[in-house]
C-alpha atoms as a PDB file:
ATOM      1  CA  MET A   1      17.385 -13.901  16.893  1.00  0.00           C
ATOM      2  CA  LEU A   2      19.333 -15.292  13.925  1.00  0.00           C
ATOM      3  CA  ARG A   3      17.030 -18.315  13.707  1.00  0.00           C
ATOM      4  CA  PHE A   4      13.994 -16.040  13.750  1.00  0.00           C
ATOM      5  CA  LEU A   5      15.486 -13.865  11.009  1.00  0.00           C
ATOM      6  CA  ILE A   6      16.308 -16.852   8.800  1.00  0.00           C
ATOM      7  CA  SER A   7      12.834 -18.359   9.228  1.00  0.00           C
ATOM      8  CA  ARG A   8      11.097 -15.076   8.389  1.00  0.00           C
ATOM      9  CA  VAL A   9      13.261 -14.488   5.294  1.00  0.00           C
ATOM     10  CA  PHE A  10      12.680 -18.067   4.135  1.00  0.00           C
ATOM     11  CA  GLY A  11       8.920 -17.627   4.596  1.00  0.00           C
ATOM     12  CA  ALA A  12       9.041 -14.339   2.689  1.00  0.00           C
ATOM     13  CA  VAL A  13      10.806 -16.001  -0.257  1.00  0.00           C
ATOM     14  CA  LEU A  14       8.216 -18.790  -0.362  1.00  0.00           C
ATOM     15  CA  ALA A  15       5.400 -16.245  -0.212  1.00  0.00           C
ATOM     16  CA  LEU A  16       6.883 -14.276  -3.104  1.00  0.00           C
ATOM     17  CA  LEU A  17       7.318 -17.461  -5.142  1.00  0.00           C
ATOM     18  CA  LEU A  18       3.687 -18.422  -4.575  1.00  0.00           C
ATOM     19  CA  LEU A  19       2.611 -14.877  -5.410  1.00  0.00           C
ATOM     20  CA  THR A  20       4.447 -14.975  -8.741  1.00  0.00           C
ATOM     21  CA  LEU A  21       2.797 -18.287  -9.643  1.00  0.00           C
ATOM     22  CA  VAL A  22      -0.726 -17.175  -8.748  1.00  0.00           C
ATOM     23  CA  THR A  23      -0.295 -13.848 -10.556  1.00  0.00           C
ATOM     24  CA  PHE A  24       1.133 -15.551 -13.647  1.00  0.00           C
ATOM     25  CA  ILE A  25      -1.906 -17.834 -13.866  1.00  0.00           C
ATOM     26  CA  MET A  26      -4.512 -15.195 -13.021  1.00  0.00           C
ATOM     27  CA  VAL A  27      -3.433 -12.636 -15.629  1.00  0.00           C
ATOM     28  CA  ARG A  28      -3.715 -15.253 -18.351  1.00  0.00           C
ATOM     29  CA  LEU A  29      -7.282 -16.061 -17.345  1.00  0.00           C
ATOM     30  CA  VAL A  30      -8.367 -12.521 -18.249  1.00  0.00           C
ATOM     31  CA  PRO A  31     -10.469 -12.585 -21.470  1.00  0.00           C
ATOM     32  CA  GLY A  32      -8.833 -11.174 -24.571  1.00  0.00           C
ATOM     33  CA  SER A  33      -5.343 -11.384 -26.013  1.00  0.00           C
ATOM     34  CA  ILE A  34      -2.329  -9.157 -26.432  1.00  0.00           C
ATOM     35  CA  GLU A  35      -2.597  -9.351 -30.212  1.00  0.00           C
ATOM     36  CA  ASP A  36      -6.109  -7.895 -30.173  1.00  0.00           C
ATOM     37  CA  VAL A  37      -5.002  -5.038 -27.941  1.00  0.00           C
ATOM     38  CA  VAL A  38      -1.931  -4.172 -30.020  1.00  0.00           C
ATOM     39  CA  PHE A  39      -3.263  -4.719 -33.533  1.00  0.00           C
ATOM     40  CA  GLY A  40      -7.032  -4.490 -33.076  1.00  0.00           C
ATOM     41  CA  LEU A  41      -9.529  -7.166 -33.956  1.00  0.00           C
ATOM     42  CA  ASP A  42      -8.905  -7.132 -37.699  1.00  0.00           C
ATOM     43  CA  GLY A  43      -5.978  -4.841 -38.422  1.00  0.00           C
ATOM     44  CA  SER A  44      -3.048  -7.203 -38.846  1.00  0.00           C
ATOM     45  CA  SER A  45      -1.860 -10.296 -40.637  1.00  0.00           C
ATOM     46  CA  ASP A  46      -1.293 -13.692 -39.078  1.00  0.00           C
ATOM     47  CA  ALA A  47       2.440 -13.246 -39.560  1.00  0.00           C
ATOM     48  CA  ALA A  48       2.493 -10.044 -37.519  1.00  0.00           C
ATOM     49  CA  ARG A  49       0.487 -11.649 -34.735  1.00  0.00           C
ATOM     50  CA  GLN A  50       2.818 -14.649 -34.671  1.00  0.00           C
ATOM     51  CA  ALA A  51       5.859 -12.369 -34.586  1.00  0.00           C
ATOM     52  CA  LEU A  52       4.392 -10.564 -31.579  1.00  0.00           C
ATOM     53  CA  ARG A  53       3.804 -13.848 -29.744  1.00  0.00           C
ATOM     54  CA  GLU A  54       7.335 -15.009 -30.450  1.00  0.00           C
ATOM     55  CA  ARG A  55       8.779 -11.683 -29.368  1.00  0.00           C
ATOM     56  CA  TYR A  56       7.199 -11.950 -25.927  1.00  0.00           C
ATOM     57  CA  ASN A  57       7.573 -15.732 -25.608  1.00  0.00           C
ATOM     58  CA  LEU A  58       3.794 -16.263 -25.781  1.00  0.00           C
ATOM     59  CA  ASP A  59       4.079 -19.104 -28.288  1.00  0.00           C
ATOM     60  CA  GLN A  60       5.527 -21.400 -25.606  1.00  0.00           C
ATOM     61  CA  PRO A  61       3.538 -23.570 -23.133  1.00  0.00           C
ATOM     62  CA  LEU A  62       2.540 -21.831 -19.902  1.00  0.00           C
ATOM     63  CA  ALA A  63       4.997 -23.853 -17.811  1.00  0.00           C
ATOM     64  CA  VAL A  64       7.879 -22.867 -20.090  1.00  0.00           C
ATOM     65  CA  GLN A  65       6.757 -19.221 -20.028  1.00  0.00           C
ATOM     66  CA  TYR A  66       6.687 -19.201 -16.225  1.00  0.00           C
ATOM     67  CA  VAL A  67      10.077 -20.861 -15.795  1.00  0.00           C
ATOM     68  CA  THR A  68      11.627 -18.535 -18.378  1.00  0.00           C
ATOM     69  CA  TRP A  69      10.129 -15.447 -16.745  1.00  0.00           C
ATOM     70  CA  LEU A  70      11.201 -16.590 -13.248  1.00  0.00           C
ATOM     71  CA  GLY A  71      14.723 -17.346 -14.456  1.00  0.00           C
ATOM     72  CA  ASN A  72      15.032 -13.919 -16.052  1.00  0.00           C
ATOM     73  CA  LEU A  73      13.625 -12.356 -12.884  1.00  0.00           C
ATOM     74  CA  LEU A  74      16.336 -13.968 -10.746  1.00  0.00           C
ATOM     75  CA  GLN A  75      18.906 -12.404 -13.081  1.00  0.00           C
ATOM     76  CA  GLY A  76      17.398  -8.935 -12.634  1.00  0.00           C
ATOM     77  CA  ASP A  77      15.424  -8.902 -15.897  1.00  0.00           C
ATOM     78  CA  TRP A  78      11.772  -8.100 -15.142  1.00  0.00           C
ATOM     79  CA  GLY A  79      10.750  -8.418 -18.767  1.00  0.00           C
ATOM     80  CA  ASP A  80       9.485  -5.998 -21.395  1.00  0.00           C
ATOM     81  CA  SER A  81       6.193  -4.165 -21.391  1.00  0.00           C
ATOM     82  CA  ILE A  82       3.956  -4.424 -24.445  1.00  0.00           C
ATOM     83  CA  ARG A  83       3.167  -0.709 -24.399  1.00  0.00           C
ATOM     84  CA  GLY A  84       4.621   0.804 -21.270  1.00  0.00           C
ATOM     85  CA  PRO A  85       3.546   4.020 -19.600  1.00  0.00           C
ATOM     86  CA  ALA A  86       3.473   5.933 -22.896  1.00  0.00           C
ATOM     87  CA  ALA A  87       1.192   3.391 -24.645  1.00  0.00           C
ATOM     88  CA  ARG A  88       3.812   2.609 -27.254  1.00  0.00           C
ATOM     89  CA  THR A  89       3.146   0.293 -30.138  1.00  0.00           C
ATOM     90  CA  VAL A  90       5.182  -2.756 -30.997  1.00  0.00           C
ATOM     91  CA  GLY A  91       7.289  -0.968 -33.567  1.00  0.00           C
ATOM     92  CA  ALA A  92       8.349   1.741 -31.121  1.00  0.00           C
ATOM     93  CA  GLY A  93      10.768  -0.508 -29.258  1.00  0.00           C
ATOM     94  CA  ARG A  94      10.715  -2.279 -25.949  1.00  0.00           C
ATOM     95  CA  VAL A  95       9.892  -0.666 -22.620  1.00  0.00           C
ATOM     96  CA  GLY A  96      11.467  -2.302 -19.580  1.00  0.00           C
ATOM     97  CA  VAL A  97       9.042  -3.322 -16.821  1.00  0.00           C
ATOM     98  CA  ARG A  98      11.423  -2.444 -14.017  1.00  0.00           C
ATOM     99  CA  GLY A  99      12.049   1.027 -15.416  1.00  0.00           C
ATOM    100  CA  ALA A 100       8.320   1.657 -15.875  1.00  0.00           C
ATOM    101  CA  LEU A 101       7.610   0.575 -12.279  1.00  0.00           C
ATOM    102  CA  MET A 102      10.440   2.617 -10.757  1.00  0.00           C
ATOM    103  CA  GLU A 103       9.137   5.655 -12.631  1.00  0.00           C
ATOM    104  CA  LYS A 104       5.686   5.360 -11.058  1.00  0.00           C
ATOM    105  CA  ILE A 105       6.401   3.912  -7.606  1.00  0.00           C
ATOM    106  CA  GLN A 106       7.509   7.193  -5.984  1.00  0.00           C
ATOM    107  CA  PRO A 107       4.119   8.999  -5.772  1.00  0.00           C
ATOM    108  CA  THR A 108       2.424   5.750  -4.738  1.00  0.00           C
ATOM    109  CA  LEU A 109       4.819   5.073  -1.859  1.00  0.00           C
ATOM    110  CA  GLU A 110       4.739   8.713  -0.765  1.00  0.00           C
ATOM    111  CA  LEU A 111       0.956   8.687  -0.637  1.00  0.00           C
ATOM    112  CA  ALA A 112       0.839   5.335   1.181  1.00  0.00           C
ATOM    113  CA  LEU A 113       3.436   6.305   3.788  1.00  0.00           C
ATOM    114  CA  LEU A 114       1.855   9.703   4.421  1.00  0.00           C
ATOM    115  CA  SER A 115      -1.564   8.097   4.861  1.00  0.00           C
ATOM    116  CA  MET A 116      -0.186   5.473   7.234  1.00  0.00           C
ATOM    117  CA  LEU A 117       1.738   8.058   9.272  1.00  0.00           C
ATOM    118  CA  LEU A 118      -1.279  10.371   9.558  1.00  0.00           C
ATOM    119  CA  SER A 119      -3.545   7.475  10.524  1.00  0.00           C
ATOM    120  CA  LEU A 120      -1.186   6.258  13.252  1.00  0.00           C
ATOM    121  CA  VAL A 121      -0.574   9.681  14.780  1.00  0.00           C
ATOM    122  CA  VAL A 122      -4.241  10.715  14.877  1.00  0.00           C
ATOM    123  CA  ALA A 123      -5.442   7.267  15.973  1.00  0.00           C
ATOM    124  CA  ILE A 124      -2.969   7.019  18.854  1.00  0.00           C
ATOM    125  CA  LEU A 125      -3.850  10.514  20.094  1.00  0.00           C
ATOM    126  CA  LEU A 126      -7.627  10.123  19.773  1.00  0.00           C
ATOM    127  CA  GLY A 127      -7.667   6.537  21.019  1.00  0.00           C
ATOM    128  CA  THR A 128      -5.567   7.320  24.079  1.00  0.00           C
ATOM    129  CA  LEU A 129      -7.646  10.390  24.885  1.00  0.00           C
ATOM    130  CA  ALA A 130     -10.866   8.387  24.520  1.00  0.00           C
ATOM    131  CA  ALA A 131      -9.529   5.681  26.851  1.00  0.00           C
ATOM    132  CA  LEU A 132      -8.679   8.286  29.477  1.00  0.00           C
ATOM    133  CA  LYS A 133     -12.077  10.011  29.191  1.00  0.00           C
ATOM    134  CA  ARG A 134     -14.266   6.932  28.935  1.00  0.00           C
ATOM    135  CA  GLY A 135     -17.960   7.708  29.012  1.00  0.00           C
ATOM    136  CA  THR A 136     -17.489  11.451  28.408  1.00  0.00           C
ATOM    137  CA  TRP A 137     -18.366  13.463  25.317  1.00  0.00           C
ATOM    138  CA  ILE A 138     -14.746  13.187  24.188  1.00  0.00           C
ATOM    139  CA  ASP A 139     -14.994   9.404  24.149  1.00  0.00           C
ATOM    140  CA  GLN A 140     -18.351   9.451  22.369  1.00  0.00           C
ATOM    141  CA  SER A 141     -17.144  11.976  19.785  1.00  0.00           C
ATOM    142  CA  SER A 142     -13.982  10.054  18.927  1.00  0.00           C
ATOM    143  CA  THR A 143     -15.920   6.769  18.736  1.00  0.00           C
ATOM    144  CA  THR A 144     -18.510   8.331  16.431  1.00  0.00           C
ATOM    145  CA  LEU A 145     -15.800   9.830  14.243  1.00  0.00           C
ATOM    146  CA  ALA A 146     -14.057   6.467  14.060  1.00  0.00           C
ATOM    147  CA  LEU A 147     -17.311   4.759  13.071  1.00  0.00           C
ATOM    148  CA  ILE A 148     -17.919   7.318  10.320  1.00  0.00           C
ATOM    149  CA  GLY A 149     -14.372   6.791   9.068  1.00  0.00           C
ATOM    150  CA  THR A 150     -14.669   3.023   8.803  1.00  0.00           C
ATOM    151  CA  SER A 151     -18.051   3.356   7.056  1.00  0.00           C
ATOM    152  CA  THR A 152     -17.039   5.886   4.382  1.00  0.00           C
ATOM    153  CA  PRO A 153     -15.450   4.579   1.151  1.00  0.00           C
ATOM    154  CA  ASP A 154     -12.215   6.372   0.332  1.00  0.00           C
ATOM    155  CA  PHE A 155     -13.242   7.305  -3.217  1.00  0.00           C
ATOM    156  CA  VAL A 156     -16.492   8.874  -1.934  1.00  0.00           C
ATOM    157  CA  LEU A 157     -14.542  10.942   0.558  1.00  0.00           C
ATOM    158  CA  GLY A 158     -12.110  11.908  -2.188  1.00  0.00           C
ATOM    159  CA  LEU A 159     -14.907  13.208  -4.392  1.00  0.00           C
ATOM    160  CA  LEU A 160     -16.440  15.098  -1.445  1.00  0.00           C
ATOM    161  CA  LEU A 161     -13.074  16.716  -0.688  1.00  0.00           C
ATOM    162  CA  ILE A 162     -12.735  17.793  -4.315  1.00  0.00           C
ATOM    163  CA  LEU A 163     -16.235  19.278  -4.406  1.00  0.00           C
ATOM    164  CA  GLY A 164     -16.240  20.782  -0.921  1.00  0.00           C
ATOM    165  CA  ILE A 165     -12.680  21.979  -0.327  1.00  0.00           C
ATOM    166  CA  ALA A 166     -10.573  22.013  -3.464  1.00  0.00           C
ATOM    167  CA  ARG A 167     -13.072  23.989  -5.532  1.00  0.00           C
ATOM    168  CA  SER A 168     -13.534  26.603  -2.818  1.00  0.00           C
ATOM    169  CA  SER A 169      -9.829  27.074  -2.110  1.00  0.00           C
ATOM    170  CA  SER A 170      -7.074  27.562  -4.651  1.00  0.00           C
ATOM    171  CA  PHE A 171      -4.480  26.282  -2.164  1.00  0.00           C
ATOM    172  CA  PHE A 172      -5.522  22.657  -2.703  1.00  0.00           C
ATOM    173  CA  PRO A 173      -4.993  21.405  -6.276  1.00  0.00           C
ATOM    174  CA  ILE A 174      -7.800  19.184  -7.495  1.00  0.00           C
ATOM    175  CA  PHE A 175      -5.694  16.979  -9.757  1.00  0.00           C
ATOM    176  CA  GLY A 176      -2.081  16.109 -10.410  1.00  0.00           C
ATOM    177  CA  TYR A 177       1.123  15.466  -8.515  1.00  0.00           C
ATOM    178  CA  ALA A 178       4.229  17.542  -7.795  1.00  0.00           C
ATOM    179  CA  PRO A 179       7.536  15.818  -6.926  1.00  0.00           C
ATOM    180  CA  LEU A 180       9.687  16.956  -4.045  1.00  0.00           C
ATOM    181  CA  SER A 181      12.099  18.527  -6.513  1.00  0.00           C
ATOM    182  CA  GLU A 182       9.509  21.278  -7.075  1.00  0.00           C
ATOM    183  CA  GLY A 183       9.526  22.213  -3.381  1.00  0.00           C
ATOM    184  CA  PHE A 184       8.152  20.753  -0.153  1.00  0.00           C
ATOM    185  CA  VAL A 185       5.120  23.056   0.008  1.00  0.00           C
ATOM    186  CA  GLU A 186       4.087  22.309  -3.565  1.00  0.00           C
ATOM    187  CA  TRP A 187       4.581  18.576  -2.979  1.00  0.00           C
ATOM    188  CA  LEU A 188       2.479  18.656   0.189  1.00  0.00           C
ATOM    189  CA  ARG A 189      -0.301  20.746  -1.405  1.00  0.00           C
ATOM    190  CA  HIS A 190      -0.896  18.055  -4.020  1.00  0.00           C
ATOM    191  CA  LEU A 191      -0.895  15.199  -1.491  1.00  0.00           C
ATOM    192  CA  ILE A 192      -2.976  16.609   1.376  1.00  0.00           C
ATOM    193  CA  LEU A 193      -6.417  15.777  -0.017  1.00  0.00           C
ATOM    194  CA  PRO A 194      -5.499  12.301  -1.374  1.00  0.00           C
ATOM    195  CA  THR A 195      -3.851  11.505   1.952  1.00  0.00           C
ATOM    196  CA  LEU A 196      -6.967  12.519   3.900  1.00  0.00           C
ATOM    197  CA  ALA A 197      -9.211  10.479   1.618  1.00  0.00           C
ATOM    198  CA  LEU A 198      -7.006   7.403   1.849  1.00  0.00           C
ATOM    199  CA  SER A 199      -6.279   7.533   5.585  1.00  0.00           C
ATOM    200  CA  PHE A 200      -9.735   8.312   6.991  1.00  0.00           C
ATOM    201  CA  ALA A 201     -11.001   4.719   7.077  1.00  0.00           C
ATOM    202  CA  LEU A 202      -7.748   3.372   8.514  1.00  0.00           C
ATOM    203  CA  MET A 203      -7.736   6.206  11.025  1.00  0.00           C
ATOM    204  CA  GLY A 204     -11.148   5.123  12.307  1.00  0.00           C
ATOM    205  CA  LEU A 205     -10.126   1.480  12.620  1.00  0.00           C
ATOM    206  CA  LEU A 206      -6.890   2.246  14.469  1.00  0.00           C
ATOM    207  CA  THR A 207      -8.606   4.758  16.776  1.00  0.00           C
ATOM    208  CA  ARG A 208     -11.066   2.145  18.011  1.00  0.00           C
ATOM    209  CA  LEU A 209      -8.266  -0.394  18.394  1.00  0.00           C
ATOM    210  CA  THR A 210      -6.062   2.043  20.312  1.00  0.00           C
ATOM    211  CA  ARG A 211      -8.889   2.959  22.660  1.00  0.00           C
ATOM    212  CA  ARG A 212      -9.517  -0.682  23.484  1.00  0.00           C
ATOM    213  CA  ALA A 213      -5.815  -1.503  23.878  1.00  0.00           C
ATOM    214  CA  VAL A 214      -5.076   1.470  26.152  1.00  0.00           C
ATOM    215  CA  SER A 215      -8.205   0.774  28.252  1.00  0.00           C
ATOM    216  CA  ASP A 216      -7.059  -2.816  28.787  1.00  0.00           C
ATOM    217  CA  THR A 217      -3.487  -1.787  29.618  1.00  0.00           C
ATOM    218  CA  LEU A 218      -4.652   0.717  32.232  1.00  0.00           C
ATOM    219  CA  GLN A 219      -6.192  -2.172  34.200  1.00  0.00           C
ATOM    220  CA  HIS A 220      -2.943  -4.131  34.528  1.00  0.00           C
ATOM    221  CA  ASP A 221      -1.062  -4.418  37.804  1.00  0.00           C
ATOM    222  CA  TRP A 222       2.205  -3.076  36.416  1.00  0.00           C
ATOM    223  CA  VAL A 223       0.579   0.333  35.797  1.00  0.00           C
ATOM    224  CA  ARG A 224      -0.607   0.588  39.395  1.00  0.00           C
ATOM    225  CA  THR A 225       2.815  -0.593  40.591  1.00  0.00           C
ATOM    226  CA  ALA A 226       4.604   2.042  38.501  1.00  0.00           C
ATOM    227  CA  ARG A 227       2.354   4.741  39.909  1.00  0.00           C
ATOM    228  CA  GLY A 228       2.860   3.449  43.437  1.00  0.00           C
ATOM    229  CA  LYS A 229       6.644   3.594  43.006  1.00  0.00           C
ATOM    230  CA  GLY A 230       6.342   7.280  42.145  1.00  0.00           C
ATOM    231  CA  LEU A 231       7.763   7.066  38.633  1.00  0.00           C
ATOM    232  CA  PRO A 232       7.484  10.218  36.502  1.00  0.00           C
ATOM    233  CA  ARG A 233       4.251  10.498  34.582  1.00  0.00           C
ATOM    234  CA  HIS A 234       5.900  10.542  31.153  1.00  0.00           C
ATOM    235  CA  VAL A 235       7.814   7.339  32.009  1.00  0.00           C
ATOM    236  CA  ILE A 236       4.610   5.599  33.082  1.00  0.00           C
ATOM    237  CA  TRP A 237       2.762   6.668  29.976  1.00  0.00           C
ATOM    238  CA  TRP A 238       5.423   5.749  27.454  1.00  0.00           C
ATOM    239  CA  HIS A 239       7.040   2.643  28.966  1.00  0.00           C
ATOM    240  CA  HIS A 240       4.126   1.093  30.839  1.00  0.00           C
ATOM    241  CA  ILE A 241       1.006   2.143  28.921  1.00  0.00           C
ATOM    242  CA  ILE A 242       1.669   3.360  25.377  1.00  0.00           C
ATOM    243  CA  ARG A 243       4.356   0.869  24.318  1.00  0.00           C
ATOM    244  CA  PRO A 244       2.471  -2.310  25.350  1.00  0.00           C
ATOM    245  CA  SER A 245      -0.726  -0.910  23.828  1.00  0.00           C
ATOM    246  CA  LEU A 246       0.920  -0.256  20.463  1.00  0.00           C
ATOM    247  CA  ILE A 247       1.549  -3.912  19.626  1.00  0.00           C
ATOM    248  CA  PRO A 248      -1.999  -4.676  18.334  1.00  0.00           C
ATOM    249  CA  VAL A 249      -2.127  -1.236  16.706  1.00  0.00           C
ATOM    250  CA  VAL A 250       1.160  -1.745  14.828  1.00  0.00           C
ATOM    251  CA  THR A 251       0.109  -5.271  13.840  1.00  0.00           C
ATOM    252  CA  THR A 252      -3.156  -4.052  12.366  1.00  0.00           C
ATOM    253  CA  ALA A 253      -1.454  -1.113  10.668  1.00  0.00           C
ATOM    254  CA  GLY A 254       1.033  -3.452   9.010  1.00  0.00           C
ATOM    255  CA  LEU A 255      -1.722  -5.742   7.773  1.00  0.00           C
ATOM    256  CA  GLN A 256      -3.770  -2.791   6.544  1.00  0.00           C
ATOM    257  CA  PHE A 257      -0.828  -1.359   4.606  1.00  0.00           C
ATOM    258  CA  VAL A 258      -1.606  -3.783   1.787  1.00  0.00           C
ATOM    259  CA  ALA A 259      -5.214  -2.564   1.808  1.00  0.00           C
ATOM    260  CA  VAL A 260      -3.922   1.004   1.619  1.00  0.00           C
ATOM    261  CA  LEU A 261      -1.886   0.098  -1.464  1.00  0.00           C
ATOM    262  CA  GLY A 262      -5.027  -1.410  -2.982  1.00  0.00           C
ATOM    263  CA  GLY A 263      -7.039   1.703  -2.222  1.00  0.00           C
ATOM    264  CA  ILE A 264      -4.414   3.869  -3.869  1.00  0.00           C
ATOM    265  CA  VAL A 265      -5.516   2.551  -7.261  1.00  0.00           C
ATOM    266  CA  VAL A 266      -8.879   4.296  -6.846  1.00  0.00           C
ATOM    267  CA  ILE A 267      -7.519   7.421  -5.162  1.00  0.00           C
ATOM    268  CA  GLU A 268      -4.880   7.924  -7.839  1.00  0.00           C
ATOM    269  CA  THR A 269      -7.610   7.701 -10.455  1.00  0.00           C
ATOM    270  CA  VAL A 270      -9.846  10.201  -8.619  1.00  0.00           C
ATOM    271  CA  PHE A 271      -7.052  12.755  -8.148  1.00  0.00           C
ATOM    272  CA  SER A 272      -5.230  11.992 -11.446  1.00  0.00           C
ATOM    273  CA  ILE A 273      -1.974  11.071  -9.695  1.00  0.00           C
ATOM    274  CA  PRO A 274       0.447   9.358 -12.104  1.00  0.00           C
ATOM    275  CA  GLY A 275       1.352   6.531  -9.770  1.00  0.00           C
ATOM    276  CA  LEU A 276       1.531   2.775  -9.725  1.00  0.00           C
ATOM    277  CA  GLY A 277      -2.237   2.335  -9.435  1.00  0.00           C
ATOM    278  CA  ARG A 278      -3.037   3.952 -12.751  1.00  0.00           C
ATOM    279  CA  LEU A 279      -0.158   2.068 -14.361  1.00  0.00           C
ATOM    280  CA  ILE A 280      -1.645  -1.241 -13.200  1.00  0.00           C
ATOM    281  CA  LEU A 281      -5.090  -0.314 -14.514  1.00  0.00           C
ATOM    282  CA  ASP A 282      -3.616   0.531 -17.915  1.00  0.00           C
ATOM    283  CA  ALA A 283      -1.628  -2.707 -17.884  1.00  0.00           C
ATOM    284  CA  ILE A 284      -4.753  -4.779 -17.180  1.00  0.00           C
ATOM    285  CA  ARG A 285      -6.645  -2.951 -19.901  1.00  0.00           C
ATOM    286  CA  ASN A 286      -3.802  -3.599 -22.366  1.00  0.00           C
ATOM    287  CA  ARG A 287      -3.280  -7.260 -21.312  1.00  0.00           C
ATOM    288  CA  ASP A 288       0.305  -6.310 -20.496  1.00  0.00           C
ATOM    289  CA  TYR A 289       1.255  -9.547 -18.754  1.00  0.00           C
ATOM    290  CA  ALA A 290       4.844  -8.682 -17.867  1.00  0.00           C
ATOM    291  CA  LEU A 291       3.892  -5.300 -16.419  1.00  0.00           C
ATOM    292  CA  ILE A 292       1.051  -6.755 -14.325  1.00  0.00           C
ATOM    293  CA  GLN A 293       3.291  -9.514 -12.977  1.00  0.00           C
ATOM    294  CA  GLY A 294       6.050  -7.034 -12.151  1.00  0.00           C
ATOM    295  CA  ALA A 295       3.671  -4.626 -10.415  1.00  0.00           C
ATOM    296  CA  VAL A 296       2.100  -7.338  -8.264  1.00  0.00           C
ATOM    297  CA  LEU A 297       5.555  -8.667  -7.402  1.00  0.00           C
ATOM    298  CA  LEU A 298       6.727  -5.198  -6.400  1.00  0.00           C
ATOM    299  CA  ILE A 299       3.660  -4.622  -4.198  1.00  0.00           C
ATOM    300  CA  GLY A 300       4.184  -8.059  -2.664  1.00  0.00           C
ATOM    301  CA  MET A 301       7.797  -7.218  -1.864  1.00  0.00           C
ATOM    302  CA  VAL A 302       6.730  -3.973  -0.198  1.00  0.00           C
ATOM    303  CA  ALA A 303       4.008  -5.751   1.805  1.00  0.00           C
ATOM    304  CA  ILE A 304       6.361  -8.512   2.990  1.00  0.00           C
ATOM    305  CA  THR A 305       9.005  -5.940   3.932  1.00  0.00           C
ATOM    306  CA  VAL A 306       6.434  -4.075   6.028  1.00  0.00           C
ATOM    307  CA  SER A 307       5.432  -7.364   7.675  1.00  0.00           C
ATOM    308  CA  LEU A 308       9.063  -8.064   8.609  1.00  0.00           C
ATOM    309  CA  LEU A 309       9.451  -4.548  10.038  1.00  0.00           C
ATOM    310  CA  VAL A 310       6.301  -5.052  12.113  1.00  0.00           C
ATOM    311  CA  ASP A 311       7.686  -8.304  13.526  1.00  0.00           C
ATOM    312  CA  PHE A 312      10.957  -6.646  14.499  1.00  0.00           C
ATOM    313  CA  SER A 313       9.156  -3.652  16.000  1.00  0.00           C
ATOM    314  CA  TYR A 314       7.675  -5.965  18.653  1.00  0.00           C
ATOM    315  CA  ARG A 315      11.128  -6.279  20.208  1.00  0.00           C
ATOM    316  CA  LEU A 316      11.322  -2.500  20.568  1.00  0.00           C
ATOM    317  CA  LEU A 317       7.793  -2.010  21.894  1.00  0.00           C
ATOM    318  CA  ASP A 318       7.592  -4.844  24.429  1.00  0.00           C
ATOM    319  CA  PRO A 319      10.671  -6.178  26.269  1.00  0.00           C
ATOM    320  CA  ARG A 320       8.859  -9.460  26.947  1.00  0.00           C
ATOM    321  CA  VAL A 321       9.096 -10.363  23.258  1.00  0.00           C
ATOM    322  CA  ARG A 322      12.910 -10.324  23.424  1.00  0.00           C
ATOM    323  CA  THR A 323      12.923 -13.434  25.614  1.00  0.00           C
END
């Protein structure tokens, strides 16, 4: 167990290091410069532009910039944003990248976790029911619904929800976000429609996967043996059918969590949620190198953490993995 833990942590560190390098190179390949964004194309002197480059270490070679940024990162300094979430100019003072990210990460993580939880619950229920009723109208209906879900882009569904539901009911806000400090009901009202839009495609994928996994598990000898021994029905379903069937479902859900984070960028824009997605879009538009690098690093850390949790969940779902 300890060897497995060490190997996975070591692989996660290498993955993060490679991610920082690729992100550092990619953001600097984007056309345009920070000086043009801050000062405009013709609104500043050469001295002001040079001062800006020196302030953010942009006058150094790329290798020196990367090593300096990585060294500061290891010391807990994520760098300074050019403009930050309030679109501040150079003379307004520095805006820390870590503070800007922590300010915006809460609605993004809440939306991602709610979407993943809703997708898993609905997919496991529908997929299991479809596997039990194979060939019936229940199976055909759930399969059709899953196919529609995987074929519908999340932003299209978001716009349809706004036009079809939010405008006809005052209970569902069309835009904005309410933190939990304003009350659970108010928080949930603002996240219901974005969660539905973001989780529908993943729900369809996991439903089809659950149906196939449960159908295969039902054919195994250990299920017939458990029934022949007279074990209680709930024990058979949970220990001998559901738990072994969840391994491919959990694996796919963990891999798709990164895709969910990517889809949040569009959903947050559609529903005007002030989360990490909109912050990244503004950072790309402003050529805010430090903020882009920090955001990608933060998403990478979340994705790798989810991957580690998925690996450890195998030991809880299937006793065979423990050996």
